[in-house]
Structure formats: C-alpha cells, structure tokens
PDB file of all heavy atoms in Angstrom:
ATOM      1  N   TYR A   1     175.498  77.002  48.879  1.00  0.00           N
ATOM      2  CA  TYR A   1     174.044  77.108  48.775  1.00  0.00           C
ATOM      3  C   TYR A   1     173.345  76.208  49.775  1.00  0.00           C
ATOM      4  O   TYR A   1     172.334  76.579  50.359  1.00  0.00           O
ATOM      5  CB  TYR A   1     173.577  76.774  47.361  1.00  0.00           C
ATOM      6  CG  TYR A   1     173.844  77.844  46.323  1.00  0.00           C
ATOM      7  CD1 TYR A   1     174.548  79.006  46.617  1.00  0.00           C
ATOM      8  CD2 TYR A   1     173.401  77.679  45.031  1.00  0.00           C
ATOM      9  CE1 TYR A   1     174.787  79.964  45.665  1.00  0.00           C
ATOM     10  CE2 TYR A   1     173.636  78.646  44.054  1.00  0.00           C
ATOM     11  CZ  TYR A   1     174.332  79.786  44.377  1.00  0.00           C
ATOM     12  OH  TYR A   1     174.561  80.741  43.418  1.00  0.00           O
ATOM     13  N   LYS A   2     173.876  75.010  49.983  1.00  0.00           N
ATOM     14  CA  LYS A   2     173.271  74.070  50.935  1.00  0.00           C
ATOM     15  C   LYS A   2     173.259  74.685  52.335  1.00  0.00           C
ATOM     16  O   LYS A   2     172.251  74.609  53.047  1.00  0.00           O
ATOM     17  CB  LYS A   2     174.052  72.753  50.930  1.00  0.00           C
ATOM     18  CG  LYS A   2     173.524  71.705  51.842  1.00  0.00           C
ATOM     19  CD  LYS A   2     172.662  70.752  51.092  1.00  0.00           C
ATOM     20  CE  LYS A   2     172.304  69.604  52.009  1.00  0.00           C
ATOM     21  NZ  LYS A   2     171.070  68.985  51.597  1.00  0.00           N
ATOM     22  N   VAL A   3     174.361  75.301  52.737  1.00  0.00           N
ATOM     23  CA  VAL A   3     174.445  75.955  54.045  1.00  0.00           C
ATOM     24  C   VAL A   3     173.461  77.123  54.118  1.00  0.00           C
ATOM     25  O   VAL A   3     172.712  77.257  55.088  1.00  0.00           O
ATOM     26  CB  VAL A   3     175.893  76.425  54.337  1.00  0.00           C
ATOM     27  CG1 VAL A   3     175.946  77.347  55.539  1.00  0.00           C
ATOM     28  CG2 VAL A   3     176.812  75.228  54.541  1.00  0.00           C
ATOM     29  N   SER A   4     173.445  77.955  53.079  1.00  0.00           N
ATOM     30  CA  SER A   4     172.552  79.121  53.070  1.00  0.00           C
ATOM     31  C   SER A   4     171.086  78.704  53.129  1.00  0.00           C
ATOM     32  O   SER A   4     170.303  79.286  53.887  1.00  0.00           O
ATOM     33  CB  SER A   4     172.784  79.963  51.820  1.00  0.00           C
ATOM     34  OG  SER A   4     174.067  80.542  51.854  1.00  0.00           O
ATOM     35  N   VAL A   5     170.717  77.703  52.364  1.00  0.00           N
ATOM     36  CA  VAL A   5     169.336  77.212  52.360  1.00  0.00           C
ATOM     37  C   VAL A   5     168.953  76.704  53.749  1.00  0.00           C
ATOM     38  O   VAL A   5     167.879  77.002  54.266  1.00  0.00           O
ATOM     39  CB  VAL A   5     169.155  76.114  51.285  1.00  0.00           C
ATOM     40  CG1 VAL A   5     167.881  75.311  51.509  1.00  0.00           C
ATOM     41  CG2 VAL A   5     169.160  76.732  49.892  1.00  0.00           C
ATOM     42  N   GLY A   6     169.848  75.955  54.374  1.00  0.00           N
ATOM     43  CA  GLY A   6     169.578  75.435  55.721  1.00  0.00           C
ATOM     44  C   GLY A   6     169.404  76.545  56.740  1.00  0.00           C
ATOM     45  O   GLY A   6     168.492  76.491  57.584  1.00  0.00           O
ATOM     46  N   ILE A   7     170.248  77.559  56.667  1.00  0.00           N
ATOM     47  CA  ILE A   7     170.154  78.684  57.602  1.00  0.00           C
ATOM     48  C   ILE A   7     168.829  79.422  57.412  1.00  0.00           C
ATOM     49  O   ILE A   7     168.147  79.749  58.384  1.00  0.00           O
ATOM     50  CB  ILE A   7     171.354  79.639  57.426  1.00  0.00           C
ATOM     51  CG1 ILE A   7     172.624  78.985  57.981  1.00  0.00           C
ATOM     52  CG2 ILE A   7     171.104  80.982  58.088  1.00  0.00           C
ATOM     53  CD1 ILE A   7     173.900  79.732  57.664  1.00  0.00           C
ATOM     54  N   ILE A   8     168.469  79.679  56.162  1.00  0.00           N
ATOM     55  CA  ILE A   8     167.226  80.394  55.887  1.00  0.00           C
ATOM     56  C   ILE A   8     166.027  79.592  56.385  1.00  0.00           C
ATOM     57  O   ILE A   8     165.135  80.130  57.048  1.00  0.00           O
ATOM     58  CB  ILE A   8     167.091  80.716  54.384  1.00  0.00           C
ATOM     59  CG1 ILE A   8     168.141  81.753  53.982  1.00  0.00           C
ATOM     60  CG2 ILE A   8     165.686  81.202  54.044  1.00  0.00           C
ATOM     61  CD1 ILE A   8     168.315  81.910  52.480  1.00  0.00           C
ATOM     62  N   GLU A   9     166.009  78.296  56.088  1.00  0.00           N
ATOM     63  CA  GLU A   9     164.885  77.462  56.527  1.00  0.00           C
ATOM     64  C   GLU A   9     164.768  77.423  58.046  1.00  0.00           C
ATOM     65  O   GLU A   9     163.669  77.528  58.600  1.00  0.00           O
ATOM     66  CB  GLU A   9     165.025  76.048  55.963  1.00  0.00           C
ATOM     67  CG  GLU A   9     164.763  75.994  54.473  1.00  0.00           C
ATOM     68  CD  GLU A   9     165.064  74.645  53.841  1.00  0.00           C
ATOM     69  OE1 GLU A   9     165.689  73.776  54.503  1.00  0.00           O
ATOM     70  OE2 GLU A   9     164.675  74.453  52.667  1.00  0.00           O
ATOM     71  N   ARG A  10     165.897  77.293  58.735  1.00  0.00           N
ATOM     72  CA  ARG A  10     165.876  77.279  60.206  1.00  0.00           C
ATOM     73  C   ARG A  10     165.389  78.614  60.747  1.00  0.00           C
ATOM     74  O   ARG A  10     164.585  78.655  61.690  1.00  0.00           O
ATOM     75  CB  ARG A  10     167.261  76.963  60.754  1.00  0.00           C
ATOM     76  CG  ARG A  10     167.667  75.511  60.580  1.00  0.00           C
ATOM     77  CD  ARG A  10     169.068  75.248  61.052  1.00  0.00           C
ATOM     78  NE  ARG A  10     169.232  75.587  62.459  1.00  0.00           N
ATOM     79  CZ  ARG A  10     170.399  75.854  63.011  1.00  0.00           C
ATOM     80  NH1 ARG A  10     171.518  75.836  62.310  1.00  0.00           N
ATOM     81  NH2 ARG A  10     170.476  76.147  64.291  1.00  0.00           N
ATOM     82  N   ALA A  11     165.881  79.717  60.178  1.00  0.00           N
ATOM     83  CA  ALA A  11     165.497  81.045  60.662  1.00  0.00           C
ATOM     84  C   ALA A  11     164.014  81.302  60.430  1.00  0.00           C
ATOM     85  O   ALA A  11     163.334  81.863  61.299  1.00  0.00           O
ATOM     86  CB  ALA A  11     166.341  82.116  59.981  1.00  0.00           C
ATOM     87  N   VAL A  12     163.478  80.882  59.287  1.00  0.00           N
ATOM     88  CA  VAL A  12     162.046  81.069  59.012  1.00  0.00           C
ATOM     89  C   VAL A  12     161.225  80.209  59.976  1.00  0.00           C
ATOM     90  O   VAL A  12     160.199  80.653  60.490  1.00  0.00           O
ATOM     91  CB  VAL A  12     161.718  80.755  57.532  1.00  0.00           C
ATOM     92  CG1 VAL A  12     160.220  80.673  57.306  1.00  0.00           C
ATOM     93  CG2 VAL A  12     162.339  81.809  56.621  1.00  0.00           C
ATOM     94  N   ASN A  13     161.668  78.994  60.230  1.00  0.00           N
ATOM     95  CA  ASN A  13     160.939  78.114  61.154  1.00  0.00           C
ATOM     96  C   ASN A  13     160.909  78.667  62.575  1.00  0.00           C
ATOM     97  O   ASN A  13     160.013  78.320  63.349  1.00  0.00           O
ATOM     98  CB  ASN A  13     161.539  76.713  61.163  1.00  0.00           C
ATOM     99  CG  ASN A  13     161.155  75.924  59.933  1.00  0.00           C
ATOM    100  OD1 ASN A  13     160.125  76.169  59.324  1.00  0.00           O
ATOM    101  ND2 ASN A  13     162.006  74.990  59.550  1.00  0.00           N
ATOM    102  N   LEU A  14     161.847  79.521  62.924  1.00  0.00           N
ATOM    103  CA  LEU A  14     161.898  80.099  64.265  1.00  0.00           C
ATOM    104  C   LEU A  14     161.080  81.383  64.416  1.00  0.00           C
ATOM    105  O   LEU A  14     161.029  81.941  65.505  1.00  0.00           O
ATOM    106  CB  LEU A  14     163.344  80.359  64.681  1.00  0.00           C
ATOM    107  CG  LEU A  14     164.164  79.094  64.975  1.00  0.00           C
ATOM    108  CD1 LEU A  14     165.624  79.439  65.193  1.00  0.00           C
ATOM    109  CD2 LEU A  14     163.593  78.350  66.164  1.00  0.00           C
ATOM    110  N   ILE A  15     160.432  81.838  63.350  1.00  0.00           N
ATOM    111  CA  ILE A  15     159.555  83.009  63.466  1.00  0.00           C
ATOM    112  C   ILE A  15     158.405  82.639  64.387  1.00  0.00           C
ATOM    113  O   ILE A  15     157.716  81.648  64.159  1.00  0.00           O
ATOM    114  CB  ILE A  15     159.034  83.467  62.081  1.00  0.00           C
ATOM    115  CG1 ILE A  15     160.201  83.942  61.205  1.00  0.00           C
ATOM    116  CG2 ILE A  15     157.985  84.563  62.237  1.00  0.00           C
ATOM    117  CD1 ILE A  15     159.812  84.255  59.773  1.00  0.00           C
ATOM    118  N   GLN A  16     158.197  83.428  65.422  1.00  0.00           N
ATOM    119  CA  GLN A  16     157.199  83.109  66.442  1.00  0.00           C
ATOM    120  C   GLN A  16     155.767  83.423  66.032  1.00  0.00           C
ATOM    121  O   GLN A  16     154.849  82.692  66.364  1.00  0.00           O
ATOM    122  CB  GLN A  16     157.528  83.848  67.753  1.00  0.00           C
ATOM    123  CG  GLN A  16     158.858  83.423  68.356  1.00  0.00           C
ATOM    124  CD  GLN A  16     158.854  81.971  68.765  1.00  0.00           C
ATOM    125  OE1 GLN A  16     158.019  81.548  69.549  1.00  0.00           O
ATOM    126  NE2 GLN A  16     159.764  81.193  68.215  1.00  0.00           N
ATOM    127  N   ASP A  17     155.557  84.508  65.334  1.00  0.00           N
ATOM    128  CA  ASP A  17     154.216  84.927  64.923  1.00  0.00           C
ATOM    129  C   ASP A  17     153.770  84.056  63.743  1.00  0.00           C
ATOM    130  O   ASP A  17     154.374  84.091  62.668  1.00  0.00           O
ATOM    131  CB  ASP A  17     154.233  86.403  64.534  1.00  0.00           C
ATOM    132  CG  ASP A  17     152.858  86.967  64.227  1.00  0.00           C
ATOM    133  OD1 ASP A  17     152.082  86.284  63.535  1.00  0.00           O
ATOM    134  OD2 ASP A  17     152.579  88.095  64.660  1.00  0.00           O
ATOM    135  N   VAL A  18     152.716  83.303  63.933  1.00  0.00           N
ATOM    136  CA  VAL A  18     152.237  82.360  62.919  1.00  0.00           C
ATOM    137  C   VAL A  18     151.851  83.079  61.622  1.00  0.00           C
ATOM    138  O   VAL A  18     152.158  82.589  60.530  1.00  0.00           O
ATOM    139  CB  VAL A  18     151.038  81.543  63.468  1.00  0.00           C
ATOM    140  CG1 VAL A  18     150.475  80.621  62.412  1.00  0.00           C
ATOM    141  CG2 VAL A  18     151.449  80.757  64.694  1.00  0.00           C
ATOM    142  N   ASP A  19     151.196  84.219  61.736  1.00  0.00           N
ATOM    143  CA  ASP A  19     150.800  84.967  60.536  1.00  0.00           C
ATOM    144  C   ASP A  19     152.015  85.460  59.765  1.00  0.00           C
ATOM    145  O   ASP A  19     152.053  85.382  58.534  1.00  0.00           O
ATOM    146  CB  ASP A  19     149.904  86.149  60.912  1.00  0.00           C
ATOM    147  CG  ASP A  19     148.558  85.700  61.464  1.00  0.00           C
ATOM    148  OD1 ASP A  19     148.085  84.613  61.083  1.00  0.00           O
ATOM    149  OD2 ASP A  19     147.986  86.447  62.289  1.00  0.00           O
ATOM    150  N   VAL A  20     152.993  85.964  60.474  1.00  0.00           N
ATOM    151  CA  VAL A  20     154.220  86.444  59.834  1.00  0.00           C
ATOM    152  C   VAL A  20     154.926  85.275  59.150  1.00  0.00           C
ATOM    153  O   VAL A  20     155.376  85.397  58.001  1.00  0.00           O
ATOM    154  CB  VAL A  20     155.148  87.129  60.866  1.00  0.00           C
ATOM    155  CG1 VAL A  20     156.507  87.431  60.259  1.00  0.00           C
ATOM    156  CG2 VAL A  20     154.500  88.412  61.389  1.00  0.00           C
ATOM    157  N   LYS A  21     154.996  84.140  59.825  1.00  0.00           N
ATOM    158  CA  LYS A  21     155.646  82.958  59.247  1.00  0.00           C
ATOM    159  C   LYS A  21     154.921  82.516  57.969  1.00  0.00           C
ATOM    160  O   LYS A  21     155.566  82.186  56.973  1.00  0.00           O
ATOM    161  CB  LYS A  21     155.665  81.817  60.253  1.00  0.00           C
ATOM    162  CG  LYS A  21     156.480  80.619  59.783  1.00  0.00           C
ATOM    163  CD  LYS A  21     156.387  79.434  60.714  1.00  0.00           C
ATOM    164  CE  LYS A  21     157.026  79.691  62.029  1.00  0.00           C
ATOM    165  NZ  LYS A  21     157.101  78.498  62.891  1.00  0.00           N
ATOM    166  N   ARG A  22     153.590  82.534  57.969  1.00  0.00           N
ATOM    167  CA  ARG A  22     152.820  82.141  56.778  1.00  0.00           C
ATOM    168  C   ARG A  22     153.096  83.095  55.617  1.00  0.00           C
ATOM    169  O   ARG A  22     153.249  82.664  54.469  1.00  0.00           O
ATOM    170  CB  ARG A  22     151.325  82.113  57.095  1.00  0.00           C
ATOM    171  CG  ARG A  22     150.909  80.884  57.855  1.00  0.00           C
ATOM    172  CD  ARG A  22     149.412  80.777  58.133  1.00  0.00           C
ATOM    173  NE  ARG A  22     148.546  81.442  57.198  1.00  0.00           N
ATOM    174  CZ  ARG A  22     147.571  82.290  57.543  1.00  0.00           C
ATOM    175  NH1 ARG A  22     147.334  82.570  58.803  1.00  0.00           N
ATOM    176  NH2 ARG A  22     146.809  82.855  56.631  1.00  0.00           N
ATOM    177  N   ILE A  23     153.149  84.386  55.917  1.00  0.00           N
ATOM    178  CA  ILE A  23     153.393  85.369  54.863  1.00  0.00           C
ATOM    179  C   ILE A  23     154.799  85.210  54.291  1.00  0.00           C
ATOM    180  O   ILE A  23     154.986  85.240  53.071  1.00  0.00           O
ATOM    181  CB  ILE A  23     153.146  86.804  55.380  1.00  0.00           C
ATOM    182  CG1 ILE A  23     151.641  87.013  55.599  1.00  0.00           C
ATOM    183  CG2 ILE A  23     153.706  87.843  54.419  1.00  0.00           C
ATOM    184  CD1 ILE A  23     151.277  88.325  56.241  1.00  0.00           C
ATOM    185  N   ILE A  24     155.799  85.020  55.146  1.00  0.00           N
ATOM    186  CA  ILE A  24     157.173  84.817  54.679  1.00  0.00           C
ATOM    187  C   ILE A  24     157.267  83.533  53.866  1.00  0.00           C
ATOM    188  O   ILE A  24     157.971  83.472  52.853  1.00  0.00           O
ATOM    189  CB  ILE A  24     158.165  84.812  55.868  1.00  0.00           C
ATOM    190  CG1 ILE A  24     158.224  86.199  56.517  1.00  0.00           C
ATOM    191  CG2 ILE A  24     159.553  84.341  55.440  1.00  0.00           C
ATOM    192  CD1 ILE A  24     158.746  87.310  55.618  1.00  0.00           C
ATOM    193  N   ASP A  25     156.541  82.514  54.279  1.00  0.00           N
ATOM    194  CA  ASP A  25     156.531  81.252  53.541  1.00  0.00           C
ATOM    195  C   ASP A  25     155.981  81.456  52.130  1.00  0.00           C
ATOM    196  O   ASP A  25     156.579  81.003  51.146  1.00  0.00           O
ATOM    197  CB  ASP A  25     155.710  80.201  54.295  1.00  0.00           C
ATOM    198  CG  ASP A  25     155.732  78.859  53.602  1.00  0.00           C
ATOM    199  OD1 ASP A  25     156.823  78.266  53.492  1.00  0.00           O
ATOM    200  OD2 ASP A  25     154.656  78.405  53.152  1.00  0.00           O
ATOM    201  N   VAL A  26     154.860  82.167  52.025  1.00  0.00           N
ATOM    202  CA  VAL A  26     154.262  82.410  50.709  1.00  0.00           C
ATOM    203  C   VAL A  26     155.181  83.295  49.865  1.00  0.00           C
ATOM    204  O   VAL A  26     155.444  82.994  48.695  1.00  0.00           O
ATOM    205  CB  VAL A  26     152.861  83.055  50.850  1.00  0.00           C
ATOM    206  CG1 VAL A  26     152.344  83.569  49.517  1.00  0.00           C
ATOM    207  CG2 VAL A  26     151.886  82.065  51.456  1.00  0.00           C
ATOM    208  N   ARG A  27     155.675  84.367  50.456  1.00  0.00           N
ATOM    209  CA  ARG A  27     156.454  85.354  49.692  1.00  0.00           C
ATOM    210  C   ARG A  27     157.830  84.839  49.275  1.00  0.00           C
ATOM    211  O   ARG A  27     158.235  84.984  48.123  1.00  0.00           O
ATOM    212  CB  ARG A  27     156.604  86.637  50.528  1.00  0.00           C
ATOM    213  CG  ARG A  27     157.485  87.695  49.901  1.00  0.00           C
ATOM    214  CD  ARG A  27     156.820  88.301  48.671  1.00  0.00           C
ATOM    215  NE  ARG A  27     157.669  89.313  48.090  1.00  0.00           N
ATOM    216  CZ  ARG A  27     158.464  89.096  47.039  1.00  0.00           C
ATOM    217  NH1 ARG A  27     158.503  87.919  46.456  1.00  0.00           N
ATOM    218  NH2 ARG A  27     159.211  90.068  46.555  1.00  0.00           N
ATOM    219  N   TYR A  28     158.567  84.234  50.198  1.00  0.00           N
ATOM    220  CA  TYR A  28     159.963  83.878  49.913  1.00  0.00           C
ATOM    221  C   TYR A  28     160.196  82.378  49.752  1.00  0.00           C
ATOM    222  O   TYR A  28     160.895  81.971  48.816  1.00  0.00           O
ATOM    223  CB  TYR A  28     160.877  84.439  50.998  1.00  0.00           C
ATOM    224  CG  TYR A  28     160.913  85.938  50.984  1.00  0.00           C
ATOM    225  CD1 TYR A  28     160.282  86.687  51.973  1.00  0.00           C
ATOM    226  CD2 TYR A  28     161.557  86.630  49.967  1.00  0.00           C
ATOM    227  CE1 TYR A  28     160.297  88.068  51.951  1.00  0.00           C
ATOM    228  CE2 TYR A  28     161.574  88.012  49.933  1.00  0.00           C
ATOM    229  CZ  TYR A  28     160.946  88.728  50.932  1.00  0.00           C
ATOM    230  OH  TYR A  28     160.961  90.099  50.892  1.00  0.00           O
ATOM    231  N   ILE A  29     159.644  81.546  50.621  1.00  0.00           N
ATOM    232  CA  ILE A  29     159.900  80.112  50.525  1.00  0.00           C
ATOM    233  C   ILE A  29     159.192  79.529  49.297  1.00  0.00           C
ATOM    234  O   ILE A  29     159.776  78.760  48.542  1.00  0.00           O
ATOM    235  CB  ILE A  29     159.480  79.378  51.825  1.00  0.00           C
ATOM    236  CG1 ILE A  29     160.192  79.985  53.041  1.00  0.00           C
ATOM    237  CG2 ILE A  29     159.747  77.888  51.705  1.00  0.00           C
ATOM    238  CD1 ILE A  29     161.704  79.991  52.971  1.00  0.00           C
ATOM    239  N   LYS A  30     157.947  79.922  49.084  1.00  0.00           N
ATOM    240  CA  LYS A  30     157.223  79.467  47.888  1.00  0.00           C
ATOM    241  C   LYS A  30     157.508  80.366  46.688  1.00  0.00           C
ATOM    242  O   LYS A  30     157.172  80.019  45.561  1.00  0.00           O
ATOM    243  CB  LYS A  30     155.730  79.395  48.176  1.00  0.00           C
ATOM    244  CG  LYS A  30     155.421  78.272  49.150  1.00  0.00           C
ATOM    245  CD  LYS A  30     153.955  78.045  49.339  1.00  0.00           C
ATOM    246  CE  LYS A  30     153.727  76.809  50.155  1.00  0.00           C
ATOM    247  NZ  LYS A  30     153.225  77.052  51.487  1.00  0.00           N
ATOM    248  N   GLY A  31     158.080  81.533  46.925  1.00  0.00           N
ATOM    249  CA  GLY A  31     158.544  82.407  45.854  1.00  0.00           C
ATOM    250  C   GLY A  31     157.469  83.172  45.110  1.00  0.00           C
ATOM    251  O   GLY A  31     157.648  83.526  43.951  1.00  0.00           O
ATOM    252  N   GLN A  32     156.374  83.477  45.768  1.00  0.00           N
ATOM    253  CA  GLN A  32     155.309  84.224  45.099  1.00  0.00           C
ATOM    254  C   GLN A  32     155.670  85.713  45.014  1.00  0.00           C
ATOM    255  O   GLN A  32     156.270  86.254  45.931  1.00  0.00           O
ATOM    256  CB  GLN A  32     153.989  84.070  45.864  1.00  0.00           C
ATOM    257  CG  GLN A  32     153.465  82.653  45.882  1.00  0.00           C
ATOM    258  CD  GLN A  32     153.170  82.139  44.482  1.00  0.00           C
ATOM    259  OE1 GLN A  32     152.652  82.863  43.641  1.00  0.00           O
ATOM    260  NE2 GLN A  32     153.504  80.883  44.237  1.00  0.00           N
ATOM    261  N   PRO A  33     155.288  86.360  43.924  1.00  0.00           N
ATOM    262  CA  PRO A  33     155.530  87.806  43.812  1.00  0.00           C
ATOM    263  C   PRO A  33     154.764  88.563  44.896  1.00  0.00           C
ATOM    264  O   PRO A  33     153.802  88.050  45.472  1.00  0.00           O
ATOM    265  CB  PRO A  33     154.983  88.160  42.429  1.00  0.00           C
ATOM    266  CG  PRO A  33     154.830  86.881  41.695  1.00  0.00           C
ATOM    267  CD  PRO A  33     154.664  85.812  42.720  1.00  0.00           C
ATOM    268  N   HIS A  34     155.176  89.802  45.116  1.00  0.00           N
ATOM    269  CA  HIS A  34     154.561  90.623  46.157  1.00  0.00           C
ATOM    270  C   HIS A  34     153.061  90.763  45.954  1.00  0.00           C
ATOM    271  O   HIS A  34     152.280  90.599  46.895  1.00  0.00           O
ATOM    272  CB  HIS A  34     155.238  92.000  46.204  1.00  0.00           C
ATOM    273  CG  HIS A  34     154.703  92.874  47.282  1.00  0.00           C
ATOM    274  ND1 HIS A  34     153.686  93.778  47.046  1.00  0.00           N
ATOM    275  CD2 HIS A  34     155.012  92.976  48.590  1.00  0.00           C
ATOM    276  CE1 HIS A  34     153.407  94.397  48.169  1.00  0.00           C
ATOM    277  NE2 HIS A  34     154.199  93.931  49.133  1.00  0.00           N
ATOM    278  N   HIS A  35     152.636  91.068  44.738  1.00  0.00           N
ATOM    279  CA  HIS A  35     151.204  91.283  44.498  1.00  0.00           C
ATOM    280  C   HIS A  35     150.392  90.007  44.735  1.00  0.00           C
ATOM    281  O   HIS A  35     149.251  90.073  45.185  1.00  0.00           O
ATOM    282  CB  HIS A  35     150.950  91.855  43.096  1.00  0.00           C
ATOM    283  CG  HIS A  35     151.187  90.898  41.976  1.00  0.00           C
ATOM    284  ND1 HIS A  35     152.433  90.670  41.446  1.00  0.00           N
ATOM    285  CD2 HIS A  35     150.328  90.107  41.296  1.00  0.00           C
ATOM    286  CE1 HIS A  35     152.340  89.778  40.478  1.00  0.00           C
ATOM    287  NE2 HIS A  35     151.070  89.408  40.362  1.00  0.00           N
ATOM    288  N   VAL A  36     150.966  88.864  44.457  1.00  0.00           N
ATOM    289  CA  VAL A  36     150.275  87.593  44.721  1.00  0.00           C
ATOM    290  C   VAL A  36     150.177  87.354  46.232  1.00  0.00           C
ATOM    291  O   VAL A  36     149.145  86.897  46.734  1.00  0.00           O
ATOM    292  CB  VAL A  36     150.986  86.418  44.017  1.00  0.00           C
ATOM    293  CG1 VAL A  36     150.384  85.079  44.430  1.00  0.00           C
ATOM    294  CG2 VAL A  36     150.924  86.593  42.501  1.00  0.00           C
ATOM    295  N   THR A  37     151.243  87.686  46.942  1.00  0.00           N
ATOM    296  CA  THR A  37     151.233  87.534  48.398  1.00  0.00           C
ATOM    297  C   THR A  37     150.163  88.434  49.017  1.00  0.00           C
ATOM    298  O   THR A  37     149.407  87.989  49.884  1.00  0.00           O
ATOM    299  CB  THR A  37     152.618  87.878  48.991  1.00  0.00           C
ATOM    300  OG1 THR A  37     153.601  87.058  48.355  1.00  0.00           O
ATOM    301  CG2 THR A  37     152.657  87.653  50.484  1.00  0.00           C
ATOM    302  N   VAL A  38     150.099  89.678  48.573  1.00  0.00           N
ATOM    303  CA  VAL A  38     149.082  90.605  49.089  1.00  0.00           C
ATOM    304  C   VAL A  38     147.678  90.072  48.767  1.00  0.00           C
ATOM    305  O   VAL A  38     146.793  90.086  49.634  1.00  0.00           O
ATOM    306  CB  VAL A  38     149.279  92.026  48.505  1.00  0.00           C
ATOM    307  CG1 VAL A  38     148.102  92.931  48.831  1.00  0.00           C
ATOM    308  CG2 VAL A  38     150.580  92.637  49.044  1.00  0.00           C
ATOM    309  N   ALA A  39     147.478  89.567  47.551  1.00  0.00           N
ATOM    310  CA  ALA A  39     146.171  89.025  47.173  1.00  0.00           C
ATOM    311  C   ALA A  39     145.826  87.777  47.989  1.00  0.00           C
ATOM    312  O   ALA A  39     144.668  87.560  48.337  1.00  0.00           O
ATOM    313  CB  ALA A  39     146.155  88.702  45.680  1.00  0.00           C
ATOM    314  N   ARG A  40     146.821  86.986  48.299  1.00  0.00           N
ATOM    315  CA  ARG A  40     146.601  85.753  49.078  1.00  0.00           C
ATOM    316  C   ARG A  40     146.069  86.064  50.480  1.00  0.00           C
ATOM    317  O   ARG A  40     145.292  85.317  51.040  1.00  0.00           O
ATOM    318  CB  ARG A  40     147.924  84.981  49.167  1.00  0.00           C
ATOM    319  CG  ARG A  40     148.013  83.865  50.156  1.00  0.00           C
ATOM    320  CD  ARG A  40     147.255  82.635  49.670  1.00  0.00           C
ATOM    321  NE  ARG A  40     147.491  81.487  50.495  1.00  0.00           N
ATOM    322  CZ  ARG A  40     146.976  81.278  51.693  1.00  0.00           C
ATOM    323  NH1 ARG A  40     146.197  82.187  52.246  1.00  0.00           N
ATOM    324  NH2 ARG A  40     147.228  80.180  52.369  1.00  0.00           N
TER     325      ARG A  40
END
C-alpha cells in the first residue's frame, strides 16, 4: 500500500492541466463522491 500510495500521489502531482489536477484531487485524493465533485 505504501508503494501504491506513493505512485498514485506522484502521478497525480505530474498532471499538467491545473483544472484536471484539482478535479482529480477532489474526486480521488480527497475521496468525494462523483455528485459532490460535479457540484464543487
């Protein structure tokens, strides 16, 4: 899990589009449901 978490965090940090990175952060890193992400 430690390796997987590190890989995911590094890969998300390398997303170039700031808007895409923010959405992925809200949806997956912060763990918000889809409908909450859309509302956000």
